């Protein structure tokens, strides 16, 4: 439980710092002989400060509960 608590604390802090993450997806549109056409899209996944705070709090609770045992 301690390890999960530390991971959640780090995830909560990273959520506050970065506010989400972005990733790119490349799709093949056409492949005609030697010519290949690709389309690249950027997607974003925002993480709200409330969610980051909840993740951070859950990590702290798990760390405290793990320390009491």
Protein backbone atom coordinates (compact mmCIF):
# COMPACT_ATOMS: atom_id res chain seq x y z
CA UNK A 1 0.00 0.00 0.00
CA UNK A 2 2.94 2.29 0.61
CA UNK A 3 4.18 1.96 -2.96
CA UNK A 4 0.71 2.67 -4.37
CA UNK A 5 0.44 5.69 -2.06
CA UNK A 6 3.74 7.11 -3.31
CA UNK A 7 2.72 6.51 -6.94
CA UNK A 8 -0.59 8.32 -6.39
CA UNK A 9 1.16 11.24 -4.67
CA UNK A 10 3.55 11.59 -7.61
CA UNK A 11 0.66 11.35 -10.09
CA UNK A 12 -1.23 14.07 -8.20
CA UNK A 13 1.77 16.38 -8.19
CA UNK A 14 2.39 15.80 -11.91
CA UNK A 15 -1.29 16.54 -12.55
CA UNK A 16 -0.92 19.91 -10.85
CA UNK A 17 2.31 20.73 -12.68
CA UNK A 18 1.34 19.72 -16.22
CA UNK A 19 -2.47 19.96 -16.14
CA UNK A 20 -2.89 16.99 -18.47
CA UNK A 21 -1.08 15.32 -21.32
CA UNK A 22 -1.08 15.32 -25.11
CA UNK A 23 -0.37 12.57 -27.58
CA UNK A 24 -0.17 12.28 -31.35
CA UNK A 25 -1.85 9.67 -33.51
CA UNK A 26 -0.77 8.93 -37.07
CA UNK A 27 -3.24 7.32 -39.48
CA UNK A 28 -2.49 6.01 -42.94
CA UNK A 29 -4.95 7.69 -45.32
CA UNK A 30 -3.78 6.28 -48.65
CA UNK A 31 -1.09 3.94 -49.94
CA UNK A 32 -0.82 4.16 -53.72
CA UNK A 33 2.30 2.37 -54.91
CA UNK A 34 5.37 4.31 -53.76
CA UNK A 35 3.21 7.23 -52.53
CA UNK A 36 1.95 7.08 -48.96
CA UNK A 37 -0.31 9.71 -47.37
CA UNK A 38 -0.48 9.96 -43.57
CA UNK A 39 -2.60 12.14 -41.32
CA UNK A 40 -1.36 13.20 -37.89
CA UNK A 41 -3.79 14.25 -35.15
CA UNK A 42 -2.95 15.67 -31.74
CA UNK A 43 -5.21 14.65 -28.88
CA UNK A 44 -5.20 16.15 -25.40
CA UNK A 45 -6.42 14.74 -22.09
CA UNK A 46 -6.83 17.51 -19.50
CA UNK A 47 -6.60 16.74 -15.78
CA UNK A 48 -8.47 19.19 -13.59
CA UNK A 49 -6.95 20.52 -10.37
CA UNK A 50 -9.80 18.90 -8.43
CA UNK A 51 -8.90 15.47 -9.83
CA UNK A 52 -5.21 16.08 -9.12
CA UNK A 53 -6.05 17.05 -5.55
CA UNK A 54 -8.21 13.95 -5.08
CA UNK A 55 -5.42 11.70 -6.40
CA UNK A 56 -2.89 13.43 -4.13
CA UNK A 57 -5.19 13.08 -1.10
CA UNK A 58 -5.82 9.39 -1.85
CA UNK A 59 -2.08 8.81 -2.01
CA UNK A 60 -1.52 10.53 1.32
CA UNK A 61 -4.30 8.48 2.94
CA UNK A 62 -2.83 5.22 1.61
CA UNK A 63 0.62 6.23 2.84
CA UNK A 64 -0.67 7.05 6.34
CA UNK A 65 -2.76 3.86 6.55
CA UNK A 66 0.22 1.81 5.37
CA UNK A 67 2.46 3.39 8.02
CA UNK A 68 0.03 2.57 10.86
CA UNK A 69 0.12 -1.19 10.16
